[in-house]
Amino acid sequence: QQPATVEKVLSDLPLQIEAALPESEPERVILIGTGSSMNALLAASDSFSGLPAELALRSPLTFLAETGERRVAKSLAIVLSQSGNSSDTI
């Protein structure tokens, strides 16, 4: 069951990403997660390769540290928490 579920999620991902994007294209896409969520984002990162934007993979704490140094106004942040209870991600 898991391989079929993963295959469906990955095949639907590009359409879901396109639907979630704002009308103006972001200059940067930031994937944010920790632990197994970070691993899932890393596995899915190839799905973002067609986007005309810089792709970054960050932990929540690294992302927060960078926001003071770099503008994120034209960025799209995708935050993943496998459990939905990760205090770092929330």
PDB file of N, CA and C in Angstrom:
ATOM      1  N   GLN A   1       0.820  -1.193   0.000  1.00  0.00           N
ATOM      2  CA  GLN A   1       0.000   0.000   0.000  1.00  0.00           C
ATOM      3  C   GLN A   1       0.866   1.261   0.000  1.00  0.00           C
ATOM      4  N   GLN A   2       1.955   1.278   0.750  1.00  0.00           N
ATOM      5  CA  GLN A   2       2.790   2.473   0.819  1.00  0.00           C
ATOM      6  C   GLN A   2       3.385   2.863  -0.529  1.00  0.00           C
ATOM      7  N   PRO A   3       3.956   1.911  -1.303  1.00  0.00           N
ATOM      8  CA  PRO A   3       4.508   2.325  -2.604  1.00  0.00           C
ATOM      9  C   PRO A   3       3.465   2.971  -3.512  1.00  0.00           C
ATOM     10  N   ALA A   4       2.254   2.460  -3.520  1.00  0.00           N
ATOM     11  CA  ALA A   4       1.198   3.040  -4.356  1.00  0.00           C
ATOM     12  C   ALA A   4       0.825   4.437  -3.861  1.00  0.00           C
ATOM     13  N   THR A   5       0.785   4.607  -2.560  1.00  0.00           N
ATOM     14  CA  THR A   5       0.464   5.917  -1.987  1.00  0.00           C
ATOM     15  C   THR A   5       1.549   6.932  -2.314  1.00  0.00           C
ATOM     16  N   VAL A   6       2.805   6.536  -2.151  1.00  0.00           N
ATOM     17  CA  VAL A   6       3.921   7.435  -2.470  1.00  0.00           C
ATOM     18  C   VAL A   6       3.896   7.801  -3.946  1.00  0.00           C
ATOM     19  N   GLU A   7       3.662   6.818  -4.806  1.00  0.00           N
ATOM     20  CA  GLU A   7       3.610   7.084  -6.248  1.00  0.00           C
ATOM     21  C   GLU A   7       2.502   8.077  -6.582  1.00  0.00           C
ATOM     22  N   LYS A   8       1.325   7.918  -5.978  1.00  0.00           N
ATOM     23  CA  LYS A   8       0.216   8.832  -6.249  1.00  0.00           C
ATOM     24  C   LYS A   8       0.539  10.243  -5.760  1.00  0.00           C
ATOM     25  N   VAL A   9       1.088  10.343  -4.555  1.00  0.00           N
ATOM     26  CA  VAL A   9       1.431  11.660  -4.007  1.00  0.00           C
ATOM     27  C   VAL A   9       2.445  12.357  -4.903  1.00  0.00           C
ATOM     28  N   LEU A  10       3.478  11.638  -5.318  1.00  0.00           N
ATOM     29  CA  LEU A  10       4.508  12.244  -6.157  1.00  0.00           C
ATOM     30  C   LEU A  10       3.992  12.595  -7.542  1.00  0.00           C
ATOM     31  N   SER A  11       3.097  11.780  -8.095  1.00  0.00           N
ATOM     32  CA  SER A  11       2.571  12.091  -9.429  1.00  0.00           C
ATOM     33  C   SER A  11       1.628  13.289  -9.393  1.00  0.00           C
ATOM     34  N   ASP A  12       0.938  13.490  -8.276  1.00  0.00           N
ATOM     35  CA  ASP A  12       0.026  14.629  -8.138  1.00  0.00           C
ATOM     36  C   ASP A  12       0.738  15.904  -7.702  1.00  0.00           C
ATOM     37  N   LEU A  13       1.949  15.775  -7.210  1.00  0.00           N
ATOM     38  CA  LEU A  13       2.655  16.908  -6.622  1.00  0.00           C
ATOM     39  C   LEU A  13       2.838  18.091  -7.562  1.00  0.00           C
ATOM     40  N   PRO A  14       3.299  17.900  -8.797  1.00  0.00           N
ATOM     41  CA  PRO A  14       3.471  19.077  -9.667  1.00  0.00           C
ATOM     42  C   PRO A  14       2.183  19.876  -9.876  1.00  0.00           C
ATOM     43  N   LEU A  15       1.054  19.202 -10.023  1.00  0.00           N
ATOM     44  CA  LEU A  15      -0.221  19.909 -10.196  1.00  0.00           C
ATOM     45  C   LEU A  15      -0.619  20.642  -8.920  1.00  0.00           C
ATOM     46  N   GLN A  16      -0.379  20.024  -7.781  1.00  0.00           N
ATOM     47  CA  GLN A  16      -0.700  20.670  -6.509  1.00  0.00           C
ATOM     48  C   GLN A  16       0.180  21.893  -6.280  1.00  0.00           C
ATOM     49  N   ILE A  17       1.436  21.779  -6.648  1.00  0.00           N
ATOM     50  CA  ILE A  17       2.353  22.913  -6.498  1.00  0.00           C
ATOM     51  C   ILE A  17       1.911  24.053  -7.400  1.00  0.00           C
ATOM     52  N   GLU A  18       1.607  23.737  -8.638  1.00  0.00           N
ATOM     53  CA  GLU A  18       1.181  24.772  -9.587  1.00  0.00           C
ATOM     54  C   GLU A  18      -0.079  25.477  -9.096  1.00  0.00           C
ATOM     55  N   ALA A  19      -1.025  24.716  -8.553  1.00  0.00           N
ATOM     56  CA  ALA A  19      -2.274  25.301  -8.063  1.00  0.00           C
ATOM     57  C   ALA A  19      -2.038  26.188  -6.839  1.00  0.00           C
ATOM     58  N   ALA A  20      -1.018  25.878  -6.049  1.00  0.00           N
ATOM     59  CA  ALA A  20      -0.754  26.637  -4.826  1.00  0.00           C
ATOM     60  C   ALA A  20       0.078  27.887  -5.061  1.00  0.00           C
ATOM     61  N   LEU A  21       0.713  27.979  -6.207  1.00  0.00           N
ATOM     62  CA  LEU A  21       1.581  29.125  -6.471  1.00  0.00           C
ATOM     63  C   LEU A  21       0.771  30.402  -6.653  1.00  0.00           C
ATOM     64  N   PRO A  22       1.293  31.491  -6.171  1.00  0.00           N
ATOM     65  CA  PRO A  22       0.612  32.772  -6.407  1.00  0.00           C
ATOM     66  C   PRO A  22       0.689  33.138  -7.881  1.00  0.00           C
ATOM     67  N   GLU A  23      -0.093  34.152  -8.265  1.00  0.00           N
ATOM     68  CA  GLU A  23      -0.109  34.551  -9.673  1.00  0.00           C
ATOM     69  C   GLU A  23       1.266  34.986 -10.152  1.00  0.00           C
ATOM     70  N   SER A  24       2.005  35.697  -9.325  1.00  0.00           N
ATOM     71  CA  SER A  24       3.373  36.055  -9.699  1.00  0.00           C
ATOM     72  C   SER A  24       4.302  34.953  -9.192  1.00  0.00           C
ATOM     73  N   GLU A  25       5.243  34.580 -10.020  1.00  0.00           N
ATOM     74  CA  GLU A  25       6.119  33.475  -9.663  1.00  0.00           C
ATOM     75  C   GLU A  25       7.079  33.887  -8.547  1.00  0.00           C
ATOM     76  N   PRO A  26       7.284  33.010  -7.572  1.00  0.00           N
ATOM     77  CA  PRO A  26       8.232  33.330  -6.509  1.00  0.00           C
ATOM     78  C   PRO A  26       9.660  33.295  -7.046  1.00  0.00           C
ATOM     79  N   GLU A  27      10.510  34.079  -6.416  1.00  0.00           N
ATOM     80  CA  GLU A  27      11.924  34.061  -6.777  1.00  0.00           C
ATOM     81  C   GLU A  27      12.653  32.935  -6.057  1.00  0.00           C
ATOM     82  N   ARG A  28      12.041  32.459  -4.984  1.00  0.00           N
ATOM     83  CA  ARG A  28      12.679  31.429  -4.169  1.00  0.00           C
ATOM     84  C   ARG A  28      11.612  30.518  -3.593  1.00  0.00           C
ATOM     85  N   VAL A  29      11.844  29.209  -3.627  1.00  0.00           N
ATOM     86  CA  VAL A  29      10.976  28.227  -2.990  1.00  0.00           C
ATOM     87  C   VAL A  29      11.780  27.608  -1.855  1.00  0.00           C
ATOM     88  N   ILE A  30      11.228  27.687  -0.650  1.00  0.00           N
ATOM     89  CA  ILE A  30      11.931  27.193   0.531  1.00  0.00           C
ATOM     90  C   ILE A  30      11.148  26.016   1.104  1.00  0.00           C
ATOM     91  N   LEU A  31      11.781  24.854   1.152  1.00  0.00           N
ATOM     92  CA  LEU A  31      11.188  23.657   1.732  1.00  0.00           C
ATOM     93  C   LEU A  31      11.683  23.572   3.170  1.00  0.00           C
ATOM     94  N   ILE A  32      10.749  23.520   4.128  1.00  0.00           N
ATOM     95  CA  ILE A  32      11.111  23.603   5.545  1.00  0.00           C
ATOM     96  C   ILE A  32      10.582  22.382   6.296  1.00  0.00           C
ATOM     97  N   GLY A  33      11.471  21.714   7.032  1.00  0.00           N
ATOM     98  CA  GLY A  33      11.070  20.562   7.822  1.00  0.00           C
ATOM     99  C   GLY A  33      12.228  20.055   8.659  1.00  0.00           C
ATOM    100  N   THR A  34      11.941  19.089   9.528  1.00  0.00           N
ATOM    101  CA  THR A  34      12.974  18.451  10.342  1.00  0.00           C
ATOM    102  C   THR A  34      12.772  16.944  10.318  1.00  0.00           C
ATOM    103  N   GLY A  35      13.827  16.207  10.623  1.00  0.00           N
ATOM    104  CA  GLY A  35      13.738  14.755  10.747  1.00  0.00           C
ATOM    105  C   GLY A  35      13.183  14.076   9.512  1.00  0.00           C
ATOM    106  N   SER A  36      12.184  13.215   9.723  1.00  0.00           N
ATOM    107  CA  SER A  36      11.602  12.473   8.600  1.00  0.00           C
ATOM    108  C   SER A  36      10.895  13.404   7.619  1.00  0.00           C
ATOM    109  N   SER A  37      10.396  14.527   8.099  1.00  0.00           N
ATOM    110  CA  SER A  37       9.774  15.502   7.194  1.00  0.00           C
ATOM    111  C   SER A  37      10.824  16.114   6.270  1.00  0.00           C
ATOM    112  N   MET A  38      12.004  16.394   6.793  1.00  0.00           N
ATOM    113  CA  MET A  38      13.103  16.905   5.973  1.00  0.00           C
ATOM    114  C   MET A  38      13.495  15.861   4.925  1.00  0.00           C
ATOM    115  N   ASN A  39      13.539  14.592   5.328  1.00  0.00           N
ATOM    116  CA  ASN A  39      13.861  13.527   4.377  1.00  0.00           C
ATOM    117  C   ASN A  39      12.816  13.446   3.271  1.00  0.00           C
ATOM    118  N   ALA A  40      11.549  13.599   3.620  1.00  0.00           N
ATOM    119  CA  ALA A  40      10.482  13.579   2.617  1.00  0.00           C
ATOM    120  C   ALA A  40      10.608  14.766   1.669  1.00  0.00           C
ATOM    121  N   LEU A  41      10.928  15.932   2.198  1.00  0.00           N
ATOM    122  CA  LEU A  41      11.120  17.119   1.353  1.00  0.00           C
ATOM    123  C   LEU A  41      12.315  16.933   0.427  1.00  0.00           C
ATOM    124  N   LEU A  42      13.371  16.337   0.935  1.00  0.00           N
ATOM    125  CA  LEU A  42      14.546  16.072   0.112  1.00  0.00           C
ATOM    126  C   LEU A  42      14.186  15.115  -1.019  1.00  0.00           C
ATOM    127  N   ALA A  43      13.413  14.080  -0.702  1.00  0.00           N
ATOM    128  CA  ALA A  43      12.995  13.122  -1.727  1.00  0.00           C
ATOM    129  C   ALA A  43      12.106  13.779  -2.776  1.00  0.00           C
ATOM    130  N   ALA A  44      11.303  14.748  -2.364  1.00  0.00           N
ATOM    131  CA  ALA A  44      10.379  15.409  -3.292  1.00  0.00           C
ATOM    132  C   ALA A  44      11.000  16.608  -3.998  1.00  0.00           C
ATOM    133  N   SER A  45      12.199  16.996  -3.613  1.00  0.00           N
ATOM    134  CA  SER A  45      12.784  18.234  -4.143  1.00  0.00           C
ATOM    135  C   SER A  45      12.964  18.217  -5.660  1.00  0.00           C
ATOM    136  N   ASP A  46      13.173  17.049  -6.258  1.00  0.00           N
ATOM    137  CA  ASP A  46      13.291  16.980  -7.720  1.00  0.00           C
ATOM    138  C   ASP A  46      12.009  17.434  -8.412  1.00  0.00           C
ATOM    139  N   SER A  47      10.878  17.305  -7.738  1.00  0.00           N
ATOM    140  CA  SER A  47       9.603  17.725  -8.326  1.00  0.00           C
ATOM    141  C   SER A  47       9.544  19.235  -8.532  1.00  0.00           C
ATOM    142  N   PHE A  48      10.412  19.960  -7.858  1.00  0.00           N
ATOM    143  CA  PHE A  48      10.431  21.414  -7.961  1.00  0.00           C
ATOM    144  C   PHE A  48      11.443  21.912  -8.987  1.00  0.00           C
ATOM    145  N   SER A  49      12.163  21.010  -9.621  1.00  0.00           N
ATOM    146  CA  SER A  49      13.261  21.409 -10.504  1.00  0.00           C
ATOM    147  C   SER A  49      12.794  22.194 -11.726  1.00  0.00           C
ATOM    148  N   GLY A  50      11.553  22.053 -12.134  1.00  0.00           N
ATOM    149  CA  GLY A  50      11.046  22.778 -13.294  1.00  0.00           C
ATOM    150  C   GLY A  50      10.626  24.204 -12.999  1.00  0.00           C
ATOM    151  N   LEU A  51      10.617  24.575 -11.739  1.00  0.00           N
ATOM    152  CA  LEU A  51      10.199  25.931 -11.380  1.00  0.00           C
ATOM    153  C   LEU A  51      11.317  26.927 -11.675  1.00  0.00           C
ATOM    154  N   PRO A  52      10.962  28.093 -12.190  1.00  0.00           N
ATOM    155  CA  PRO A  52      11.978  29.113 -12.474  1.00  0.00           C
ATOM    156  C   PRO A  52      12.323  29.912 -11.215  1.00  0.00           C
ATOM    157  N   ALA A  53      12.742  29.211 -10.173  1.00  0.00           N
ATOM    158  CA  ALA A  53      13.042  29.857  -8.895  1.00  0.00           C
ATOM    159  C   ALA A  53      14.171  29.102  -8.211  1.00  0.00           C
ATOM    160  N   GLU A  54      14.860  29.810  -7.341  1.00  0.00           N
ATOM    161  CA  GLU A  54      15.889  29.177  -6.517  1.00  0.00           C
ATOM    162  C   GLU A  54      15.196  28.233  -5.541  1.00  0.00           C
ATOM    163  N   LEU A  55      15.751  27.054  -5.328  1.00  0.00           N
ATOM    164  CA  LEU A  55      15.186  26.078  -4.402  1.00  0.00           C
ATOM    165  C   LEU A  55      16.105  25.949  -3.194  1.00  0.00           C
ATOM    166  N   ALA A  56      15.531  26.036  -1.997  1.00  0.00           N
ATOM    167  CA  ALA A  56      16.310  25.904  -0.765  1.00  0.00           C
ATOM    168  C   ALA A  56      15.619  24.912   0.158  1.00  0.00           C
ATOM    169  N   LEU A  57      16.393  24.100   0.834  1.00  0.00           N
ATOM    170  CA  LEU A  57      15.891  23.136   1.806  1.00  0.00           C
ATOM    171  C   LEU A  57      16.457  23.545   3.162  1.00  0.00           C
ATOM    172  N   ARG A  58      15.581  23.857   4.113  1.00  0.00           N
ATOM    173  CA  ARG A  58      16.029  24.410   5.391  1.00  0.00           C
ATOM    174  C   ARG A  58      15.292  23.777   6.570  1.00  0.00           C
ATOM    175  N   SER A  59      15.968  23.760   7.710  1.00  0.00           N
ATOM    176  CA  SER A  59      15.293  23.432   8.961  1.00  0.00           C
ATOM    177  C   SER A  59      14.568  24.700   9.411  1.00  0.00           C
ATOM    178  N   PRO A  60      13.571  24.577  10.276  1.00  0.00           N
ATOM    179  CA  PRO A  60      12.868  25.780  10.731  1.00  0.00           C
ATOM    180  C   PRO A  60      13.793  26.807  11.380  1.00  0.00           C
ATOM    181  N   LEU A  61      14.730  26.354  12.192  1.00  0.00           N
ATOM    182  CA  LEU A  61      15.617  27.298  12.875  1.00  0.00           C
ATOM    183  C   LEU A  61      16.547  28.003  11.896  1.00  0.00           C
ATOM    184  N   THR A  62      17.042  27.282  10.902  1.00  0.00           N
ATOM    185  CA  THR A  62      17.889  27.905   9.884  1.00  0.00           C
ATOM    186  C   THR A  62      17.087  28.915   9.084  1.00  0.00           C
ATOM    187  N   PHE A  63      15.857  28.561   8.739  1.00  0.00           N
ATOM    188  CA  PHE A  63      14.997  29.484   8.001  1.00  0.00           C
ATOM    189  C   PHE A  63      14.788  30.769   8.794  1.00  0.00           C
ATOM    190  N   LEU A  64      14.478  30.640  10.080  1.00  0.00           N
ATOM    191  CA  LEU A  64      14.256  31.826  10.910  1.00  0.00           C
ATOM    192  C   LEU A  64      15.519  32.670  11.030  1.00  0.00           C
ATOM    193  N   ALA A  65      16.666  32.033  11.141  1.00  0.00           N
ATOM    194  CA  ALA A  65      17.928  32.771  11.230  1.00  0.00           C
ATOM    195  C   ALA A  65      18.201  33.532   9.940  1.00  0.00           C
ATOM    196  N   GLU A  66      17.833  32.948   8.807  1.00  0.00           N
ATOM    197  CA  GLU A  66      18.089  33.588   7.514  1.00  0.00           C
ATOM    198  C   GLU A  66      17.115  34.713   7.199  1.00  0.00           C
ATOM    199  N   THR A  67      15.925  34.703   7.779  1.00  0.00           N
ATOM    200  CA  THR A  67      14.937  35.720   7.414  1.00  0.00           C
ATOM    201  C   THR A  67      15.401  37.114   7.779  1.00  0.00           C
ATOM    202  N   GLY A  68      16.235  37.230   8.795  1.00  0.00           N
ATOM    203  CA  GLY A  68      16.770  38.535   9.148  1.00  0.00           C
ATOM    204  C   GLY A  68      17.829  39.017   8.172  1.00  0.00           C
ATOM    205  N   GLU A  69      18.446  38.073   7.474  1.00  0.00           N
ATOM    206  CA  GLU A  69      19.523  38.415   6.554  1.00  0.00           C
ATOM    207  C   GLU A  69      19.044  38.560   5.114  1.00  0.00           C
ATOM    208  N   ARG A  70      17.948  37.960   4.790  1.00  0.00           N
ATOM    209  CA  ARG A  70      17.513  37.905   3.399  1.00  0.00           C
ATOM    210  C   ARG A  70      16.012  38.159   3.309  1.00  0.00           C
ATOM    211  N   ARG A  71      15.618  38.953   2.365  1.00  0.00           N
ATOM    212  CA  ARG A  71      14.192  39.220   2.184  1.00  0.00           C
ATOM    213  C   ARG A  71      13.502  37.952   1.701  1.00  0.00           C
ATOM    214  N   VAL A  72      12.327  37.708   2.224  1.00  0.00           N
ATOM    215  CA  VAL A  72      11.565  36.538   1.819  1.00  0.00           C
ATOM    216  C   VAL A  72      10.224  36.938   1.212  1.00  0.00           C
ATOM    217  N   ALA A  73      10.082  38.221   0.864  1.00  0.00           N
ATOM    218  CA  ALA A  73       8.802  38.722   0.360  1.00  0.00           C
ATOM    219  C   ALA A  73       8.364  38.009  -0.911  1.00  0.00           C
ATOM    220  N   LYS A  74       9.290  37.645  -1.757  1.00  0.00           N
ATOM    221  CA  LYS A  74       8.932  36.981  -3.011  1.00  0.00           C
ATOM    222  C   LYS A  74       9.284  35.503  -2.962  1.00  0.00           C
ATOM    223  N   SER A  75       9.104  34.919  -1.774  1.00  0.00           N
ATOM    224  CA  SER A  75       9.418  33.510  -1.565  1.00  0.00           C
ATOM    225  C   SER A  75       8.148  32.725  -1.288  1.00  0.00           C
ATOM    226  N   LEU A  76       8.194  31.456  -1.638  1.00  0.00           N
ATOM    227  CA  LEU A  76       7.124  30.521  -1.308  1.00  0.00           C
ATOM    228  C   LEU A  76       7.711  29.513  -0.333  1.00  0.00           C
ATOM    229  N   ALA A  77       7.185  29.462   0.884  1.00  0.00           N
ATOM    230  CA  ALA A  77       7.652  28.508   1.888  1.00  0.00           C
ATOM    231  C   ALA A  77       6.674  27.343   1.949  1.00  0.00           C
ATOM    232  N   ILE A  78       7.209  26.146   1.819  1.00  0.00           N
ATOM    233  CA  ILE A  78       6.416  24.929   1.964  1.00  0.00           C
ATOM    234  C   ILE A  78       6.931  24.239   3.216  1.00  0.00           C
ATOM    235  N   VAL A  79       6.078  24.177   4.235  1.00  0.00           N
ATOM    236  CA  VAL A  79       6.470  23.648   5.537  1.00  0.00           C
ATOM    237  C   VAL A  79       5.792  22.300   5.727  1.00  0.00           C
ATOM    238  N   LEU A  80       6.600  21.288   6.069  1.00  0.00           N
ATOM    239  CA  LEU A  80       6.068  19.939   6.228  1.00  0.00           C
ATOM    240  C   LEU A  80       6.321  19.446   7.641  1.00  0.00           C
ATOM    241  N   SER A  81       5.273  18.953   8.272  1.00  0.00           N
ATOM    242  CA  SER A  81       5.384  18.305   9.572  1.00  0.00           C
ATOM    243  C   SER A  81       4.635  16.990   9.462  1.00  0.00           C
ATOM    244  N   GLN A  82       5.357  15.887   9.543  1.00  0.00           N
ATOM    245  CA  GLN A  82       4.736  14.577   9.370  1.00  0.00           C
ATOM    246  C   GLN A  82       3.636  14.344  10.398  1.00  0.00           C
ATOM    247  N   SER A  83       3.897  14.737  11.641  1.00  0.00           N
ATOM    248  CA  SER A  83       2.918  14.502  12.698  1.00  0.00           C
ATOM    249  C   SER A  83       1.917  15.640  12.839  1.00  0.00           C
ATOM    250  N   GLY A  84       2.308  16.827  12.381  1.00  0.00           N
ATOM    251  CA  GLY A  84       1.465  17.997  12.585  1.00  0.00           C
ATOM    252  C   GLY A  84       1.646  18.604  13.964  1.00  0.00           C
ATOM    253  N   ASN A  85       2.550  18.035  14.744  1.00  0.00           N
ATOM    254  CA  ASN A  85       2.763  18.490  16.119  1.00  0.00           C
ATOM    255  C   ASN A  85       4.173  18.982  16.385  1.00  0.00           C
ATOM    256  N   SER A  86       4.981  19.109  15.369  1.00  0.00           N
ATOM    257  CA  SER A  86       6.369  19.523  15.556  1.00  0.00           C
ATOM    258  C   SER A  86       6.423  20.966  16.033  1.00  0.00           C
ATOM    259  N   SER A  87       6.935  21.180  17.247  1.00  0.00           N
ATOM    260  CA  SER A  87       6.973  22.541  17.787  1.00  0.00           C
ATOM    261  C   SER A  87       7.940  23.425  17.008  1.00  0.00           C
ATOM    262  N   ASP A  88       9.014  22.855  16.454  1.00  0.00           N
ATOM    263  CA  ASP A  88       9.943  23.647  15.634  1.00  0.00           C
ATOM    264  C   ASP A  88       9.265  24.153  14.374  1.00  0.00           C
ATOM    265  N   THR A  89       8.473  23.304  13.752  1.00  0.00           N
ATOM    266  CA  THR A  89       7.828  23.666  12.491  1.00  0.00           C
ATOM    267  C   THR A  89       6.659  24.609  12.719  1.00  0.00           C
ATOM    268  N   ILE A  90       5.888  24.373  13.752  1.00  0.00           N
ATOM    269  CA  ILE A  90       4.736  25.219  14.040  1.00  0.00           C
ATOM    270  C   ILE A  90       5.224  26.584  14.433  1.00  0.00           C
TER     271      ILE A  90
END
